[in-house]
Amino acid sequence: MGNFGVPADLSDDEIVEGLYFWRNRLRHFASEGDTDAEEEARAALEQFTSEAQRRGLH
């Protein structure tokens, strides 16, 4: 998960920061056509989104 670790172990602020980070990375990889990195970023974003929703942050 990049620099963030496991979403369940992070603070609310780190979850929100991770959401922004992975959304930006996903856009970047998509624009570059890097499908492998795009898939990894999408998976990480999904994990952060799920954790944010579980906590009521998103």
N, C-alpha and C. Protein backbone atom coordinates (compact mmCIF):
# COMPACT_ATOMS: atom_id res chain seq x y z
N MET A 1 0.81 -1.19 0.00
CA MET A 1 0.00 0.00 0.00
C MET A 1 0.86 1.26 0.00
N GLY A 2 1.92 1.23 -0.67
CA GLY A 2 2.72 2.44 -0.77
C GLY A 2 3.29 2.83 0.57
N ASN A 3 3.22 4.10 0.90
CA ASN A 3 3.76 4.63 2.15
C ASN A 3 2.75 4.57 3.30
N PHE A 4 1.59 4.04 3.06
CA PHE A 4 0.52 4.18 4.03
C PHE A 4 0.30 2.97 4.92
N GLY A 5 0.61 1.80 4.49
CA GLY A 5 0.37 0.63 5.30
C GLY A 5 -1.05 0.12 5.16
N VAL A 6 -1.47 -0.66 6.13
CA VAL A 6 -2.80 -1.27 6.14
C VAL A 6 -3.81 -0.24 6.62
N PRO A 7 -4.84 0.05 5.83
CA PRO A 7 -5.80 1.10 6.20
C PRO A 7 -6.40 0.93 7.60
N ALA A 8 -6.68 -0.29 8.03
CA ALA A 8 -7.31 -0.51 9.34
C ALA A 8 -6.41 -0.05 10.49
N ASP A 9 -5.10 0.04 10.24
CA ASP A 9 -4.14 0.42 11.28
C ASP A 9 -3.86 1.92 11.32
N LEU A 10 -4.47 2.69 10.43
CA LEU A 10 -4.16 4.10 10.28
C LEU A 10 -5.17 5.00 10.99
N SER A 11 -4.74 6.23 11.24
CA SER A 11 -5.64 7.22 11.83
C SER A 11 -6.62 7.72 10.77
N ASP A 12 -7.66 8.39 11.20
CA ASP A 12 -8.63 8.96 10.27
C ASP A 12 -7.95 9.91 9.29
N ASP A 13 -7.05 10.75 9.80
CA ASP A 13 -6.35 11.69 8.92
C ASP A 13 -5.51 10.97 7.87
N GLU A 14 -4.87 9.88 8.27
CA GLU A 14 -4.07 9.11 7.31
C GLU A 14 -4.96 8.42 6.27
N ILE A 15 -6.15 8.01 6.68
CA ILE A 15 -7.09 7.42 5.72
C ILE A 15 -7.48 8.46 4.67
N VAL A 16 -7.82 9.65 5.11
CA VAL A 16 -8.20 10.71 4.17
C VAL A 16 -7.03 11.06 3.26
N GLU A 17 -5.83 11.16 3.83
CA GLU A 17 -4.64 11.44 3.02
C GLU A 17 -4.41 10.33 2.00
N GLY A 18 -4.61 9.08 2.43
CA GLY A 18 -4.45 7.94 1.53
C GLY A 18 -5.45 7.96 0.39
N LEU A 19 -6.68 8.39 0.67
CA LEU A 19 -7.69 8.50 -0.39
C LEU A 19 -7.23 9.47 -1.47
N TYR A 20 -6.77 10.64 -1.05
CA TYR A 20 -6.29 11.62 -2.03
C TYR A 20 -5.09 11.09 -2.80
N PHE A 21 -4.15 10.48 -2.07
CA PHE A 21 -2.95 9.95 -2.69
C PHE A 21 -3.29 8.92 -3.76
N TRP A 22 -4.10 7.92 -3.40
CA TRP A 22 -4.39 6.84 -4.34
C TRP A 22 -5.26 7.30 -5.50
N ARG A 23 -6.16 8.26 -5.28
CA ARG A 23 -6.93 8.81 -6.40
C ARG A 23 -6.01 9.49 -7.40
N ASN A 24 -5.07 10.27 -6.87
CA ASN A 24 -4.12 10.96 -7.76
C ASN A 24 -3.21 9.97 -8.49
N ARG A 25 -2.74 8.95 -7.79
CA ARG A 25 -1.89 7.94 -8.43
C ARG A 25 -2.67 7.20 -9.51
N LEU A 26 -3.92 6.87 -9.22
CA LEU A 26 -4.75 6.17 -10.20
C LEU A 26 -4.90 7.01 -11.46
N ARG A 27 -5.19 8.28 -11.30
CA ARG A 27 -5.31 9.18 -12.47
C ARG A 27 -3.99 9.25 -13.24
N HIS A 28 -2.90 9.35 -12.51
CA HIS A 28 -1.58 9.43 -13.15
C HIS A 28 -1.29 8.17 -13.96
N PHE A 29 -1.46 7.01 -13.34
CA PHE A 29 -1.16 5.76 -14.03
C PHE A 29 -2.09 5.55 -15.22
N ALA A 30 -3.35 5.93 -15.08
CA ALA A 30 -4.30 5.81 -16.19
C ALA A 30 -3.87 6.70 -17.35
N SER A 31 -3.43 7.92 -17.04
CA SER A 31 -3.02 8.83 -18.11
C SER A 31 -1.73 8.37 -18.78
N GLU A 32 -0.89 7.65 -18.05
CA GLU A 32 0.36 7.12 -18.60
C GLU A 32 0.15 5.80 -19.33
N GLY A 33 -1.00 5.18 -19.14
CA GLY A 33 -1.26 3.89 -19.78
C GLY A 33 -0.59 2.72 -19.08
N ASP A 34 -0.20 2.91 -17.83
CA ASP A 34 0.47 1.86 -17.05
C ASP A 34 -0.60 1.01 -16.37
N THR A 35 -1.07 -0.02 -17.06
CA THR A 35 -2.21 -0.80 -16.58
C THR A 35 -1.90 -1.60 -15.32
N ASP A 36 -0.68 -2.11 -15.18
CA ASP A 36 -0.33 -2.86 -13.98
C ASP A 36 -0.36 -1.95 -12.75
N ALA A 37 0.28 -0.81 -12.84
CA ALA A 37 0.29 0.14 -11.73
C ALA A 37 -1.11 0.68 -11.47
N GLU A 38 -1.88 0.86 -12.53
CA GLU A 38 -3.26 1.33 -12.39
C GLU A 38 -4.08 0.33 -11.58
N GLU A 39 -3.92 -0.95 -11.85
CA GLU A 39 -4.64 -1.98 -11.10
C GLU A 39 -4.26 -1.97 -9.63
N GLU A 40 -2.97 -1.82 -9.34
CA GLU A 40 -2.51 -1.77 -7.95
C GLU A 40 -3.06 -0.54 -7.24
N ALA A 41 -3.05 0.59 -7.92
CA ALA A 41 -3.59 1.82 -7.33
C ALA A 41 -5.09 1.69 -7.09
N ARG A 42 -5.78 1.09 -8.03
CA ARG A 42 -7.23 0.89 -7.88
C ARG A 42 -7.53 0.00 -6.68
N ALA A 43 -6.75 -1.06 -6.50
CA ALA A 43 -6.95 -1.96 -5.36
C ALA A 43 -6.69 -1.23 -4.04
N ALA A 44 -5.63 -0.44 -4.00
CA ALA A 44 -5.33 0.32 -2.79
C ALA A 44 -6.43 1.34 -2.50
N LEU A 45 -6.89 2.03 -3.54
CA LEU A 45 -7.95 3.00 -3.36
C LEU A 45 -9.22 2.33 -2.84
N GLU A 46 -9.53 1.15 -3.34
CA GLU A 46 -10.70 0.43 -2.87
C GLU A 46 -10.58 0.08 -1.40
N GLN A 47 -9.39 -0.30 -0.95
CA GLN A 47 -9.19 -0.62 0.46
C GLN A 47 -9.36 0.62 1.33
N PHE A 48 -8.79 1.74 0.89
CA PHE A 48 -8.92 2.97 1.65
C PHE A 48 -10.36 3.48 1.64
N THR A 49 -11.04 3.34 0.52
CA THR A 49 -12.44 3.76 0.43
C THR A 49 -13.30 2.92 1.36
N SER A 50 -13.09 1.62 1.38
CA SER A 50 -13.85 0.74 2.26
C SER A 50 -13.64 1.11 3.73
N GLU A 51 -12.40 1.36 4.09
CA GLU A 51 -12.11 1.72 5.48
C GLU A 51 -12.71 3.08 5.83
N ALA A 52 -12.64 4.02 4.90
CA ALA A 52 -13.24 5.34 5.14
C ALA A 52 -14.76 5.22 5.32
N GLN A 53 -15.39 4.41 4.51
CA GLN A 53 -16.84 4.21 4.63
C GLN A 53 -17.18 3.52 5.94
N ARG A 54 -16.39 2.54 6.34
CA ARG A 54 -16.61 1.83 7.60
C ARG A 54 -16.55 2.80 8.78
N ARG A 55 -15.67 3.79 8.67
CA ARG A 55 -15.50 4.76 9.76
C ARG A 55 -16.44 5.96 9.62
N GLY A 56 -17.17 6.01 8.53
CA GLY A 56 -18.05 7.15 8.30
C GLY A 56 -17.34 8.40 7.84
N LEU A 57 -16.20 8.24 7.21
CA LEU A 57 -15.40 9.37 6.74
C LEU A 57 -15.68 9.74 5.30
N HIS A 58 -16.29 8.85 4.57
CA HIS A 58 -16.43 9.04 3.11
C HIS A 58 -17.86 8.94 2.68
